[in-house]
Amino acid sequence: MREDIEKAIIWLGHSSMMIKADGKNIFIDPWKLKNFDDKADIILITHPHYDHYSENDIQKISTPKTYIYSCKEVISKTSLKNKQLVEPYGDIINGDIKIKAFPAYNINKDFHLKKNNWMGFIIDYLDTKIYISGDTDFTNEMRQLSVNVAIIPIGGTYTMTEIEAADFINTIKPDIAIPIHWGDIVGTKENAEKFKSLVKPPTKVVIK
């Protein structure tokens, strides 16, 4: 795994992330970006809810060369010209970066239905696999994951709680776990700290 992976992963608040790989900036679910100068080479949108798909924020970071990958609802609406529809288990190749879409859905609530084909993403670069789960519960598909870094929601209400998220992490045992989907709308730093206390070694929890 890349030794500098923690520095390459930047949390922008709520569920927004930026990952630097192969000299590219990969943004996931950019929302409420403030005074941000970095431009996106790749934008990944997990699903069309307003706190994940924000055309206004996409415009702040996009250039004529920016590519966006997402579900049908986002692809049909975005103004970006370089766009590609992706569904769960679909593959994206961009230079040396390989990205696979992965199912994301609720199993005990109806905010994110499996039939919608919404998703998370697994970014594979230099033998490091980074899983960004999207808004999801702990599903059966997730039990089979083998990744180095897991970036997952812990805020509850619409996604896993910190307890459910810790159960997931303790099941797949990644090297690093990063809790997100807190600090705005739902979830607090206390939830993130409780998640950290519940995760067992050898996984390292990084609260950004």
N, C-alpha and C. Protein backbone atom coordinates (compact mmCIF):
# COMPACT_ATOMS: atom_id res chain seq x y z
N MET A 1 0.83 -1.20 0.00
CA MET A 1 0.00 0.00 0.00
C MET A 1 0.87 1.25 0.00
N ARG A 2 0.43 2.27 -0.70
CA ARG A 2 1.16 3.54 -0.72
C ARG A 2 1.33 4.08 0.70
N GLU A 3 2.57 4.46 1.04
CA GLU A 3 2.84 4.94 2.40
C GLU A 3 2.22 6.31 2.65
N ASP A 4 1.99 7.08 1.58
CA ASP A 4 1.47 8.43 1.74
C ASP A 4 -0.04 8.49 1.55
N ILE A 5 -0.70 7.35 1.67
CA ILE A 5 -2.12 7.29 1.32
C ILE A 5 -2.97 8.21 2.20
N GLU A 6 -2.63 8.35 3.47
CA GLU A 6 -3.43 9.21 4.34
C GLU A 6 -3.41 10.66 3.86
N LYS A 7 -2.24 11.13 3.40
CA LYS A 7 -2.13 12.50 2.90
C LYS A 7 -2.86 12.67 1.58
N ALA A 8 -2.99 11.59 0.83
CA ALA A 8 -3.62 11.66 -0.49
C ALA A 8 -5.14 11.70 -0.41
N ILE A 9 -5.68 11.40 0.77
CA ILE A 9 -7.14 11.39 0.98
C ILE A 9 -7.52 12.61 1.80
N ILE A 10 -8.34 13.46 1.23
CA ILE A 10 -8.73 14.71 1.87
C ILE A 10 -10.23 14.74 2.06
N TRP A 11 -10.67 14.91 3.32
CA TRP A 11 -12.10 15.02 3.61
C TRP A 11 -12.51 16.48 3.51
N LEU A 12 -13.57 16.75 2.76
CA LEU A 12 -14.02 18.11 2.52
C LEU A 12 -15.29 18.43 3.30
N GLY A 13 -15.66 17.54 4.21
CA GLY A 13 -16.87 17.73 4.99
C GLY A 13 -18.00 16.84 4.52
N HIS A 14 -18.86 16.42 5.46
CA HIS A 14 -20.00 15.55 5.17
C HIS A 14 -19.51 14.29 4.43
N SER A 15 -19.92 14.12 3.17
CA SER A 15 -19.48 12.95 2.40
C SER A 15 -18.56 13.32 1.25
N SER A 16 -18.09 14.55 1.23
CA SER A 16 -17.24 15.02 0.14
C SER A 16 -15.78 14.65 0.38
N MET A 17 -15.15 14.10 -0.64
CA MET A 17 -13.76 13.69 -0.54
C MET A 17 -12.99 14.14 -1.78
N MET A 18 -11.68 14.31 -1.61
CA MET A 18 -10.78 14.44 -2.75
C MET A 18 -9.62 13.48 -2.53
N ILE A 19 -9.31 12.72 -3.57
CA ILE A 19 -8.22 11.77 -3.50
C ILE A 19 -7.24 12.08 -4.63
N LYS A 20 -5.97 12.17 -4.29
CA LYS A 20 -4.94 12.45 -5.28
C LYS A 20 -4.28 11.13 -5.69
N ALA A 21 -4.34 10.82 -6.98
CA ALA A 21 -3.76 9.58 -7.49
C ALA A 21 -3.35 9.77 -8.94
N ASP A 22 -2.17 9.26 -9.28
CA ASP A 22 -1.69 9.32 -10.66
C ASP A 22 -1.63 10.75 -11.18
N GLY A 23 -1.32 11.69 -10.29
CA GLY A 23 -1.27 13.09 -10.69
C GLY A 23 -2.62 13.71 -10.96
N LYS A 24 -3.68 13.01 -10.58
CA LYS A 24 -5.04 13.48 -10.83
C LYS A 24 -5.76 13.76 -9.52
N ASN A 25 -6.74 14.67 -9.58
CA ASN A 25 -7.62 14.95 -8.47
C ASN A 25 -8.96 14.25 -8.71
N ILE A 26 -9.29 13.33 -7.82
CA ILE A 26 -10.56 12.61 -7.91
C ILE A 26 -11.47 13.14 -6.82
N PHE A 27 -12.58 13.73 -7.20
CA PHE A 27 -13.56 14.22 -6.23
C PHE A 27 -14.72 13.25 -6.13
N ILE A 28 -15.19 13.02 -4.91
CA ILE A 28 -16.36 12.20 -4.68
C ILE A 28 -17.41 13.04 -3.97
N ASP A 29 -18.59 13.14 -4.56
CA ASP A 29 -19.73 13.84 -3.97
C ASP A 29 -19.39 15.24 -3.45
N PRO A 30 -18.80 16.11 -4.28
CA PRO A 30 -18.47 17.46 -3.82
C PRO A 30 -19.72 18.25 -3.45
N TRP A 31 -19.69 18.86 -2.25
CA TRP A 31 -20.85 19.61 -1.74
C TRP A 31 -20.37 20.64 -0.74
N LYS A 32 -20.92 21.83 -0.85
CA LYS A 32 -20.58 22.95 0.04
C LYS A 32 -19.09 23.27 0.02
N LEU A 33 -18.49 23.25 -1.16
CA LEU A 33 -17.08 23.58 -1.27
C LEU A 33 -16.88 25.07 -1.08
N LYS A 34 -15.86 25.44 -0.31
CA LYS A 34 -15.59 26.84 -0.02
C LYS A 34 -14.14 27.18 -0.35
N ASN A 35 -13.95 28.25 -1.11
CA ASN A 35 -12.61 28.75 -1.42
C ASN A 35 -11.68 27.62 -1.87
N PHE A 36 -12.16 26.86 -2.85
CA PHE A 36 -11.41 25.68 -3.26
C PHE A 36 -10.81 25.91 -4.63
N ASP A 37 -9.47 25.82 -4.71
CA ASP A 37 -8.77 26.11 -5.97
C ASP A 37 -8.48 24.87 -6.81
N ASP A 38 -8.42 23.70 -6.18
CA ASP A 38 -8.10 22.48 -6.93
C ASP A 38 -9.20 22.16 -7.94
N LYS A 39 -8.80 21.74 -9.12
CA LYS A 39 -9.75 21.35 -10.15
C LYS A 39 -9.80 19.83 -10.27
N ALA A 40 -10.92 19.35 -10.72
CA ALA A 40 -11.15 17.92 -10.79
C ALA A 40 -10.76 17.35 -12.15
N ASP A 41 -10.05 16.23 -12.11
CA ASP A 41 -9.85 15.44 -13.32
C ASP A 41 -10.98 14.43 -13.45
N ILE A 42 -11.39 13.87 -12.30
CA ILE A 42 -12.46 12.88 -12.26
C ILE A 42 -13.42 13.27 -11.14
N ILE A 43 -14.72 13.19 -11.42
CA ILE A 43 -15.74 13.38 -10.40
C ILE A 43 -16.59 12.12 -10.34
N LEU A 44 -16.73 11.57 -9.14
CA LEU A 44 -17.57 10.40 -8.92
C LEU A 44 -18.75 10.82 -8.04
N ILE A 45 -19.97 10.58 -8.50
CA ILE A 45 -21.16 10.91 -7.73
C ILE A 45 -21.88 9.61 -7.39
N THR A 46 -22.09 9.37 -6.10
CA THR A 46 -22.65 8.10 -5.66
C THR A 46 -24.15 7.98 -5.94
N HIS A 47 -24.88 9.11 -5.81
CA HIS A 47 -26.32 9.08 -6.05
C HIS A 47 -26.84 10.52 -6.10
N PRO A 48 -28.11 10.72 -6.50
CA PRO A 48 -28.57 12.07 -6.82
C PRO A 48 -29.09 12.91 -5.66
N HIS A 49 -29.05 12.46 -4.43
CA HIS A 49 -29.52 13.30 -3.33
C HIS A 49 -28.70 14.59 -3.25
N TYR A 50 -29.36 15.67 -2.83
CA TYR A 50 -28.78 17.01 -2.95
C TYR A 50 -27.44 17.17 -2.23
N ASP A 51 -27.24 16.40 -1.16
CA ASP A 51 -25.99 16.54 -0.41
C ASP A 51 -24.87 15.66 -0.98
N HIS A 52 -25.13 15.07 -2.13
CA HIS A 52 -24.11 14.27 -2.82
C HIS A 52 -23.93 14.74 -4.27
N TYR A 53 -25.04 15.09 -4.90
CA TYR A 53 -24.96 15.64 -6.26
C TYR A 53 -25.34 17.11 -6.22
N SER A 54 -24.34 17.96 -6.38
CA SER A 54 -24.53 19.41 -6.41
C SER A 54 -23.91 19.96 -7.69
N GLU A 55 -24.75 20.31 -8.63
CA GLU A 55 -24.25 20.84 -9.90
C GLU A 55 -23.46 22.13 -9.67
N ASN A 56 -23.88 22.93 -8.69
CA ASN A 56 -23.17 24.16 -8.38
C ASN A 56 -21.73 23.88 -7.95
N ASP A 57 -21.55 22.88 -7.09
CA ASP A 57 -20.20 22.55 -6.64
C ASP A 57 -19.39 21.88 -7.74
N ILE A 58 -20.04 21.11 -8.58
CA ILE A 58 -19.35 20.49 -9.71
C ILE A 58 -18.78 21.57 -10.62
N GLN A 59 -19.56 22.64 -10.84
CA GLN A 59 -19.08 23.71 -11.70
C GLN A 59 -17.86 24.42 -11.11
N LYS A 60 -17.76 24.48 -9.78
CA LYS A 60 -16.63 25.14 -9.13
C LYS A 60 -15.31 24.44 -9.42
N ILE A 61 -15.35 23.13 -9.62
CA ILE A 61 -14.11 22.35 -9.73
C ILE A 61 -13.87 21.75 -11.11
N SER A 62 -14.81 21.93 -12.01
CA SER A 62 -14.69 21.27 -13.32
C SER A 62 -13.97 22.14 -14.34
N THR A 63 -13.37 21.48 -15.31
CA THR A 63 -12.75 22.11 -16.47
C THR A 63 -13.30 21.39 -17.71
N PRO A 64 -12.98 21.87 -18.91
CA PRO A 64 -13.45 21.16 -20.11
C PRO A 64 -12.93 19.72 -20.20
N LYS A 65 -11.91 19.38 -19.41
CA LYS A 65 -11.34 18.04 -19.47
C LYS A 65 -11.84 17.12 -18.34
N THR A 66 -12.67 17.66 -17.45
CA THR A 66 -13.15 16.88 -16.32
C THR A 66 -14.13 15.80 -16.78
N TYR A 67 -13.96 14.60 -16.25
CA TYR A 67 -14.89 13.49 -16.52
C TYR A 67 -15.73 13.22 -15.28
N ILE A 68 -17.02 12.98 -15.49
CA ILE A 68 -17.91 12.64 -14.39
C ILE A 68 -18.51 11.26 -14.65
N TYR A 69 -18.57 10.47 -13.58
CA TYR A 69 -19.12 9.12 -13.66
C TYR A 69 -20.18 8.99 -12.58
N SER A 70 -21.37 8.49 -12.95
CA SER A 70 -22.42 8.39 -11.96
C SER A 70 -23.60 7.58 -12.50
N CYS A 71 -24.69 7.61 -11.72
CA CYS A 71 -25.92 6.90 -12.06
C CYS A 71 -26.73 7.68 -13.09
N LYS A 72 -27.81 7.08 -13.55
CA LYS A 72 -28.59 7.67 -14.65
C LYS A 72 -29.19 9.03 -14.27
N GLU A 73 -29.63 9.18 -13.01
CA GLU A 73 -30.26 10.45 -12.62
C GLU A 73 -29.28 11.61 -12.72
N VAL A 74 -28.03 11.38 -12.32
CA VAL A 74 -27.02 12.44 -12.37
C VAL A 74 -26.56 12.69 -13.80
N ILE A 75 -26.29 11.62 -14.52
CA ILE A 75 -25.78 11.77 -15.89
C ILE A 75 -26.79 12.48 -16.78
N SER A 76 -28.07 12.27 -16.51
CA SER A 76 -29.10 12.92 -17.34
C SER A 76 -29.22 14.41 -17.06
N LYS A 77 -28.74 14.85 -15.89
CA LYS A 77 -28.91 16.25 -15.49
C LYS A 77 -27.64 17.09 -15.61
N THR A 78 -26.49 16.48 -15.42
CA THR A 78 -25.27 17.28 -15.35
C THR A 78 -24.97 17.99 -16.67
N SER A 79 -24.37 19.17 -16.54
CA SER A 79 -24.02 19.95 -17.73
C SER A 79 -22.65 19.57 -18.27
N LEU A 80 -21.90 18.75 -17.54
CA LEU A 80 -20.58 18.35 -18.03
C LEU A 80 -20.72 17.49 -19.29
N LYS A 81 -19.86 17.75 -20.25
CA LYS A 81 -19.94 17.04 -21.53
C LYS A 81 -19.27 15.67 -21.46
N ASN A 82 -18.20 15.57 -20.67
CA ASN A 82 -17.50 14.29 -20.55
C ASN A 82 -18.14 13.49 -19.42
N LYS A 83 -19.11 12.68 -19.76
CA LYS A 83 -19.87 11.97 -18.73
C LYS A 83 -20.11 10.53 -19.15
N GLN A 84 -20.20 9.67 -18.13
CA GLN A 84 -20.40 8.25 -18.40
C GLN A 84 -21.30 7.64 -17.34
N LEU A 85 -22.32 6.94 -17.80
CA LEU A 85 -23.21 6.22 -16.91
C LEU A 85 -22.50 4.99 -16.36
N VAL A 86 -22.63 4.79 -15.05
CA VAL A 86 -22.03 3.63 -14.40
C VAL A 86 -23.09 2.98 -13.52
N GLU A 87 -23.10 1.67 -13.48
CA GLU A 87 -23.97 0.93 -12.58
C GLU A 87 -23.13 0.03 -11.70
N PRO A 88 -23.68 -0.48 -10.59
CA PRO A 88 -22.91 -1.35 -9.71
C PRO A 88 -22.18 -2.46 -10.45
N TYR A 89 -20.93 -2.63 -10.12
CA TYR A 89 -19.98 -3.59 -10.69
C TYR A 89 -19.43 -3.15 -12.05
N GLY A 90 -19.83 -1.97 -12.49
CA GLY A 90 -19.25 -1.43 -13.72
C GLY A 90 -17.83 -0.95 -13.49
N ASP A 91 -17.02 -0.96 -14.55
CA ASP A 91 -15.61 -0.60 -14.46
C ASP A 91 -15.33 0.73 -15.15
N ILE A 92 -14.40 1.48 -14.57
CA ILE A 92 -13.93 2.74 -15.13
C ILE A 92 -12.41 2.67 -15.21
N ILE A 93 -11.85 2.97 -16.36
CA ILE A 93 -10.41 3.01 -16.53
C ILE A 93 -10.02 4.42 -16.94
N ASN A 94 -9.14 5.04 -16.17
CA ASN A 94 -8.68 6.39 -16.49
C ASN A 94 -7.17 6.43 -16.20
N GLY A 95 -6.36 6.28 -17.25
CA GLY A 95 -4.92 6.20 -17.05
C GLY A 95 -4.57 4.95 -16.27
N ASP A 96 -3.75 5.10 -15.24
CA ASP A 96 -3.39 3.97 -14.39
C ASP A 96 -4.38 3.75 -13.25
N ILE A 97 -5.45 4.52 -13.24
CA ILE A 97 -6.45 4.40 -12.19
C ILE A 97 -7.58 3.49 -12.66
N LYS A 98 -7.90 2.50 -11.84
CA LYS A 98 -9.03 1.61 -12.12
C LYS A 98 -10.07 1.84 -11.03
N ILE A 99 -11.30 1.99 -11.46
CA ILE A 99 -12.39 2.25 -10.51
C ILE A 99 -13.53 1.28 -10.80
N LYS A 100 -14.04 0.66 -9.75
CA LYS A 100 -15.19 -0.22 -9.89
C LYS A 100 -16.33 0.33 -9.04
N ALA A 101 -17.50 0.41 -9.64
CA ALA A 101 -18.68 0.80 -8.88
C ALA A 101 -19.15 -0.38 -8.04
N PHE A 102 -19.70 -0.08 -6.87
CA PHE A 102 -20.10 -1.13 -5.94
C PHE A 102 -21.47 -0.77 -5.35
N PRO A 103 -22.35 -1.74 -5.18
CA PRO A 103 -23.71 -1.43 -4.72
C PRO A 103 -23.74 -0.71 -3.37
N ALA A 104 -24.65 0.23 -3.25
CA ALA A 104 -24.87 0.96 -1.99
C ALA A 104 -26.38 1.10 -1.80
N TYR A 105 -26.88 0.60 -0.68
CA TYR A 105 -28.33 0.67 -0.46
C TYR A 105 -28.66 0.40 1.01
N ASN A 106 -29.89 0.75 1.37
CA ASN A 106 -30.38 0.50 2.72
C ASN A 106 -31.03 -0.88 2.80
N ILE A 107 -30.92 -1.51 3.96
CA ILE A 107 -31.56 -2.80 4.16
C ILE A 107 -32.67 -2.73 5.21
N ASN A 108 -32.73 -1.64 5.98
CA ASN A 108 -33.76 -1.53 7.00
C ASN A 108 -34.44 -0.17 6.99
N LYS A 109 -34.32 0.53 5.87
CA LYS A 109 -34.97 1.81 5.66
C LYS A 109 -35.05 2.06 4.16
N ASP A 110 -35.79 3.09 3.76
CA ASP A 110 -36.13 3.24 2.34
C ASP A 110 -35.51 4.46 1.66
N PHE A 111 -34.47 5.03 2.24
CA PHE A 111 -33.88 6.23 1.64
C PHE A 111 -33.06 5.92 0.39
N HIS A 112 -32.43 4.75 0.38
CA HIS A 112 -31.58 4.34 -0.74
C HIS A 112 -31.93 2.90 -1.10
N LEU A 113 -32.73 2.74 -2.12
CA LEU A 113 -33.23 1.42 -2.50
C LEU A 113 -32.26 0.70 -3.43
N LYS A 114 -32.16 -0.60 -3.26
CA LYS A 114 -31.24 -1.38 -4.09
C LYS A 114 -31.58 -1.27 -5.57
N LYS A 115 -32.86 -1.21 -5.88
CA LYS A 115 -33.30 -1.16 -7.28
C LYS A 115 -32.87 0.13 -7.98
N ASN A 116 -32.48 1.15 -7.22
CA ASN A 116 -32.05 2.41 -7.83
C ASN A 116 -30.70 2.30 -8.53
N ASN A 117 -29.94 1.26 -8.19
CA ASN A 117 -28.59 1.10 -8.75
C ASN A 117 -27.67 2.25 -8.39
N TRP A 118 -27.84 2.79 -7.18
CA TRP A 118 -26.88 3.77 -6.68
C TRP A 118 -25.66 3.04 -6.15
N MET A 119 -24.60 3.76 -5.82
CA MET A 119 -23.34 3.04 -5.66
C MET A 119 -22.32 3.75 -4.78
N GLY A 120 -21.32 2.97 -4.42
CA GLY A 120 -20.06 3.48 -3.92
C GLY A 120 -19.01 3.16 -4.97
N PHE A 121 -17.74 3.38 -4.65
CA PHE A 121 -16.67 3.15 -5.63
C PHE A 121 -15.46 2.54 -4.95
N ILE A 122 -14.76 1.69 -5.68
CA ILE A 122 -13.47 1.17 -5.24
C ILE A 122 -12.42 1.70 -6.21
N ILE A 123 -11.53 2.54 -5.70
CA ILE A 123 -10.46 3.12 -6.51
C ILE A 123 -9.21 2.28 -6.31
N ASP A 124 -8.65 1.79 -7.39
CA ASP A 124 -7.48 0.90 -7.35
C ASP A 124 -6.31 1.60 -8.03
N TYR A 125 -5.31 1.94 -7.25
CA TYR A 125 -4.14 2.64 -7.80
C TYR A 125 -2.89 2.21 -7.05
N LEU A 126 -1.88 1.77 -7.79
CA LEU A 126 -0.61 1.32 -7.22
C LEU A 126 -0.83 0.28 -6.12
N ASP A 127 -1.67 -0.69 -6.44
CA ASP A 127 -1.95 -1.81 -5.53
C ASP A 127 -2.60 -1.37 -4.22
N THR A 128 -3.19 -0.20 -4.21
CA THR A 128 -3.95 0.26 -3.05
C THR A 128 -5.41 0.40 -3.45
N LYS A 129 -6.28 -0.26 -2.72
CA LYS A 129 -7.71 -0.20 -3.01
C LYS A 129 -8.40 0.66 -1.96
N ILE A 130 -9.05 1.72 -2.43
CA ILE A 130 -9.75 2.65 -1.56
C ILE A 130 -11.24 2.51 -1.83
N TYR A 131 -11.99 2.13 -0.82
CA TYR A 131 -13.43 1.94 -0.94
C TYR A 131 -14.16 3.14 -0.35
N ILE A 132 -14.95 3.82 -1.17
CA ILE A 132 -15.83 4.88 -0.72
C ILE A 132 -17.24 4.34 -0.84
N SER A 133 -17.90 4.11 0.27
CA SER A 133 -19.10 3.28 0.25
C SER A 133 -20.35 3.94 -0.30
N GLY A 134 -20.40 5.29 -0.30
CA GLY A 134 -21.68 5.92 -0.59
C GLY A 134 -22.62 5.74 0.59
N ASP A 135 -23.86 6.13 0.42
CA ASP A 135 -24.85 6.02 1.50
C ASP A 135 -25.40 4.60 1.53
N THR A 136 -25.04 3.85 2.54
CA THR A 136 -25.38 2.44 2.57
C THR A 136 -25.50 1.92 3.99
N ASP A 137 -26.17 0.79 4.12
CA ASP A 137 -26.10 0.00 5.34
C ASP A 137 -25.04 -1.08 5.13
N PHE A 138 -24.85 -1.92 6.13
CA PHE A 138 -23.89 -3.03 6.05
C PHE A 138 -24.58 -4.17 5.31
N THR A 139 -24.32 -4.26 4.01
CA THR A 139 -25.00 -5.24 3.16
C THR A 139 -24.20 -6.53 3.04
N ASN A 140 -24.85 -7.56 2.54
CA ASN A 140 -24.16 -8.83 2.35
C ASN A 140 -23.01 -8.72 1.36
N GLU A 141 -23.20 -7.90 0.32
CA GLU A 141 -22.14 -7.73 -0.68
C GLU A 141 -20.87 -7.17 -0.04
N MET A 142 -21.03 -6.32 0.94
CA MET A 142 -19.88 -5.67 1.57
C MET A 142 -19.03 -6.63 2.40
N ARG A 143 -19.60 -7.74 2.80
CA ARG A 143 -18.85 -8.72 3.60
C ARG A 143 -17.71 -9.35 2.80
N GLN A 144 -17.80 -9.28 1.48
CA GLN A 144 -16.80 -9.93 0.63
C GLN A 144 -15.67 -8.99 0.22
N LEU A 145 -15.74 -7.74 0.66
CA LEU A 145 -14.75 -6.76 0.23
C LEU A 145 -13.37 -7.04 0.82
N SER A 146 -12.35 -6.76 0.02
CA SER A 146 -10.97 -6.81 0.47
C SER A 146 -10.28 -5.55 -0.02
N VAL A 147 -10.16 -4.56 0.88
CA VAL A 147 -9.63 -3.25 0.50
C VAL A 147 -8.62 -2.79 1.55
N ASN A 148 -7.79 -1.83 1.16
CA ASN A 148 -6.80 -1.26 2.08
C ASN A 148 -7.39 -0.14 2.93
N VAL A 149 -8.26 0.66 2.30
CA VAL A 149 -8.86 1.81 2.97
C VAL A 149 -10.37 1.76 2.78
N ALA A 150 -11.11 1.96 3.86
CA ALA A 150 -12.57 2.01 3.78
C ALA A 150 -13.05 3.35 4.30
N ILE A 151 -13.77 4.09 3.45
CA ILE A 151 -14.32 5.40 3.80
C ILE A 151 -15.83 5.21 3.86
N ILE A 152 -16.39 5.33 5.08
CA ILE A 152 -17.77 4.89 5.27
C ILE A 152 -18.57 5.87 6.12
N PRO A 153 -19.90 5.90 5.92
CA PRO A 153 -20.75 6.78 6.72
C PRO A 153 -21.00 6.20 8.10
N ILE A 154 -21.09 7.08 9.10
CA ILE A 154 -21.33 6.62 10.46
C ILE A 154 -22.44 7.43 11.16
N GLY A 155 -23.11 8.30 10.40
CA GLY A 155 -24.05 9.24 11.01
C GLY A 155 -25.40 8.67 11.38
N GLY A 156 -25.74 7.49 10.85
CA GLY A 156 -27.04 6.92 11.14
C GLY A 156 -28.15 7.65 10.40
N THR A 157 -29.40 7.34 10.73
CA THR A 157 -30.62 7.88 10.12
C THR A 157 -30.76 7.43 8.67
N TYR A 158 -29.85 7.86 7.80
CA TYR A 158 -29.92 7.53 6.39
C TYR A 158 -28.93 6.42 6.00
N THR A 159 -28.02 6.12 6.89
CA THR A 159 -26.94 5.17 6.60
C THR A 159 -26.67 4.32 7.84
N MET A 160 -25.54 3.64 7.84
CA MET A 160 -25.10 2.91 9.02
C MET A 160 -24.91 3.85 10.20
N THR A 161 -25.15 3.33 11.39
CA THR A 161 -24.74 4.03 12.60
C THR A 161 -23.26 3.75 12.83
N GLU A 162 -22.68 4.41 13.83
CA GLU A 162 -21.28 4.16 14.13
C GLU A 162 -21.06 2.72 14.61
N ILE A 163 -22.08 2.15 15.26
CA ILE A 163 -21.97 0.77 15.74
C ILE A 163 -22.00 -0.21 14.57
N GLU A 164 -22.92 0.01 13.64
CA GLU A 164 -23.01 -0.85 12.45
C GLU A 164 -21.77 -0.70 11.58
N ALA A 165 -21.27 0.53 11.49
CA ALA A 165 -20.08 0.77 10.69
C ALA A 165 -18.86 0.07 11.28
N ALA A 166 -18.74 0.10 12.59
CA ALA A 166 -17.63 -0.59 13.25
C ALA A 166 -17.72 -2.09 13.06
N ASP A 167 -18.93 -2.63 13.08
CA ASP A 167 -19.14 -4.06 12.82
C ASP A 167 -18.64 -4.41 11.43
N PHE A 168 -18.95 -3.57 10.47
CA PHE A 168 -18.48 -3.78 9.10
C PHE A 168 -16.95 -3.76 9.03
N ILE A 169 -16.35 -2.75 9.62
CA ILE A 169 -14.89 -2.64 9.58
C ILE A 169 -14.22 -3.83 10.27
N ASN A 170 -14.77 -4.24 11.39
CA ASN A 170 -14.19 -5.38 12.10
C ASN A 170 -14.38 -6.69 11.34
N THR A 171 -15.31 -6.70 10.39
CA THR A 171 -15.53 -7.89 9.56
C THR A 171 -14.51 -7.97 8.43
N ILE A 172 -14.25 -6.84 7.75
CA ILE A 172 -13.37 -6.90 6.57
C ILE A 172 -11.92 -6.52 6.90
N LYS A 173 -11.70 -5.84 8.02
CA LYS A 173 -10.36 -5.53 8.52
C LYS A 173 -9.45 -4.82 7.51
N PRO A 174 -9.83 -3.64 7.05
CA PRO A 174 -8.93 -2.87 6.20
C PRO A 174 -7.76 -2.31 7.01
N ASP A 175 -6.75 -1.80 6.33
CA ASP A 175 -5.63 -1.18 7.04
C ASP A 175 -6.07 0.13 7.70
N ILE A 176 -6.90 0.89 6.98
CA ILE A 176 -7.33 2.21 7.45
C ILE A 176 -8.84 2.33 7.27
N ALA A 177 -9.50 2.93 8.25
CA ALA A 177 -10.93 3.26 8.15
C ALA A 177 -11.12 4.74 8.41
N ILE A 178 -11.91 5.40 7.58
CA ILE A 178 -12.16 6.83 7.71
C ILE A 178 -13.67 7.05 7.80
N PRO A 179 -14.16 7.54 8.93
CA PRO A 179 -15.60 7.80 9.06
C PRO A 179 -16.00 9.13 8.44
N ILE A 180 -17.09 9.13 7.68
CA ILE A 180 -17.62 10.35 7.07
C ILE A 180 -19.14 10.38 7.28
N HIS A 181 -19.81 11.31 6.60
CA HIS A 181 -21.26 11.51 6.73
C HIS A 181 -21.59 11.89 8.18
N TRP A 182 -20.80 12.84 8.71
CA TRP A 182 -21.08 13.42 10.02
C TRP A 182 -20.65 14.88 9.98
N GLY A 183 -21.17 15.66 10.92
CA GLY A 183 -20.80 17.07 10.99
C GLY A 183 -21.71 17.98 10.21
N ASP A 184 -22.69 17.42 9.47
CA ASP A 184 -23.65 18.21 8.72
C ASP A 184 -24.87 17.32 8.47
N ILE A 185 -26.03 17.81 8.69
CA ILE A 185 -27.31 17.08 8.54
C ILE A 185 -27.49 16.08 9.68
N VAL A 186 -26.66 15.04 9.69
CA VAL A 186 -26.71 14.06 10.79
C VAL A 186 -25.29 13.70 11.19
N GLY A 187 -25.15 13.18 12.40
CA GLY A 187 -23.85 12.69 12.86
C GLY A 187 -23.00 13.78 13.48
N THR A 188 -22.26 13.40 14.52
CA THR A 188 -21.40 14.34 15.23
C THR A 188 -20.00 13.75 15.37
N LYS A 189 -19.08 14.57 15.85
CA LYS A 189 -17.74 14.06 16.10
C LYS A 189 -17.77 12.99 17.18
N GLU A 190 -18.71 13.11 18.09
CA GLU A 190 -18.85 12.07 19.13
C GLU A 190 -19.16 10.72 18.50
N ASN A 191 -20.00 10.72 17.45
CA ASN A 191 -20.27 9.47 16.73
C ASN A 191 -19.00 8.92 16.12
N ALA A 192 -18.20 9.81 15.54
CA ALA A 192 -16.94 9.38 14.92
C ALA A 192 -15.98 8.82 15.97
N GLU A 193 -15.92 9.47 17.11
CA GLU A 193 -15.03 8.99 18.18
C GLU A 193 -15.50 7.65 18.74
N LYS A 194 -16.81 7.46 18.86
CA LYS A 194 -17.32 6.18 19.33
C LYS A 194 -16.99 5.08 18.32
N PHE A 195 -17.16 5.40 17.03
CA PHE A 195 -16.78 4.46 15.98
C PHE A 195 -15.32 4.04 16.15
N LYS A 196 -14.45 5.01 16.36
CA LYS A 196 -13.03 4.71 16.53
C LYS A 196 -12.80 3.78 17.72
N SER A 197 -13.53 4.01 18.79
CA SER A 197 -13.34 3.19 20.00
C SER A 197 -13.80 1.75 19.80
N LEU A 198 -14.71 1.54 18.84
CA LEU A 198 -15.27 0.21 18.61
C LEU A 198 -14.49 -0.61 17.58
N VAL A 199 -13.68 0.06 16.78
CA VAL A 199 -12.91 -0.64 15.75
C VAL A 199 -11.69 -1.31 16.38
N LYS A 200 -11.49 -2.55 16.03
CA LYS A 200 -10.42 -3.36 16.63
C LYS A 200 -9.16 -3.33 15.76
N PRO A 201 -7.99 -3.51 16.37
CA PRO A 201 -6.76 -3.67 15.61
C PRO A 201 -6.89 -4.90 14.70
N PRO A 202 -6.19 -4.91 13.56
CA PRO A 202 -5.10 -4.01 13.19
C PRO A 202 -5.54 -2.75 12.45
N THR A 203 -6.86 -2.54 12.28
CA THR A 203 -7.32 -1.38 11.53
C THR A 203 -7.01 -0.08 12.28
N LYS A 204 -6.49 0.89 11.56
CA LYS A 204 -6.24 2.22 12.09
C LYS A 204 -7.39 3.13 11.68
N VAL A 205 -8.00 3.79 12.62
CA VAL A 205 -9.08 4.73 12.31
C VAL A 205 -8.50 6.14 12.23
N VAL A 206 -8.79 6.82 11.12
CA VAL A 206 -8.32 8.19 10.91
C VAL A 206 -9.54 9.09 10.83
N ILE A 207 -9.69 9.98 11.81
CA ILE A 207 -10.76 10.96 11.79
C ILE A 207 -10.20 12.23 11.18
N LYS A 208 -10.67 12.57 10.02
CA LYS A 208 -10.12 13.72 9.28
C LYS A 208 -10.58 15.04 9.89
